[in-house]
Amino acid sequence: MQQELFELLQKEEIRQVVQSYARGVDRRDWSLVKAAYHDDAYDDHGGYKGGRLGLLDWLERRHGSIEQSMHFLGNCIVDLLSDTTAVAETYCVVYQRYGEQAQETIRLWLGDQTLKPGMALMAELACRYVDQFELRDEHWRIAKRTVVMEEVKVSSQAVLLRDGYALARRDRNDPL
């Protein structure tokens, strides 16, 4: 029973790291994203392949033109391979809204189409995070991540919400 409880706590710490990463990206809190990885970690995000600091730069630039981002995490299976290594597979759906200032991304996905005034581009990405975790200095962190893409859907029909709603913010002023 003692070993099962220990393993349960280890798996929960790993899941918390994955969740903190998602919150960090969605709130543009790059310190949370940075803390999810070991210093020498490697990330294969498709559009970026390399170390942790390069990933942070790439994400910050990329998310500069994303008005809203929401990661919805689903199944998260953690396999403890040893006392210091684990593999986690986490299903993820990401919703991202791009406004008129994201012309480069809009052209990438829509070609010559342009957004109508008051409209935004909505992207829905289905993926899995395949993470190799290592326990170092008593903390589980990502040592290697591969983002495995399942599908991307793009629509230019997103409509902004009216006043009166608690609107998501991508900074520390979010209603959280």
Foldseek 3Di string as FASTA:
>chain_A
DVVVVVVVVVLVLLVVLVVQLQLCLQLVVLVSVLVQADQAAWECAPVDTGGDVVVSVVSNVVCVQWFGKHKDKDDWDWDDPDPWKIKIKIKIKMKTKGDQVPVVVCCVPPPPDHADPQWIKIKIWIWIWIFMWGQDPNHIHGRYIYTGTDDMDIDRHDGDDDPPDQDAGSHPPRPD
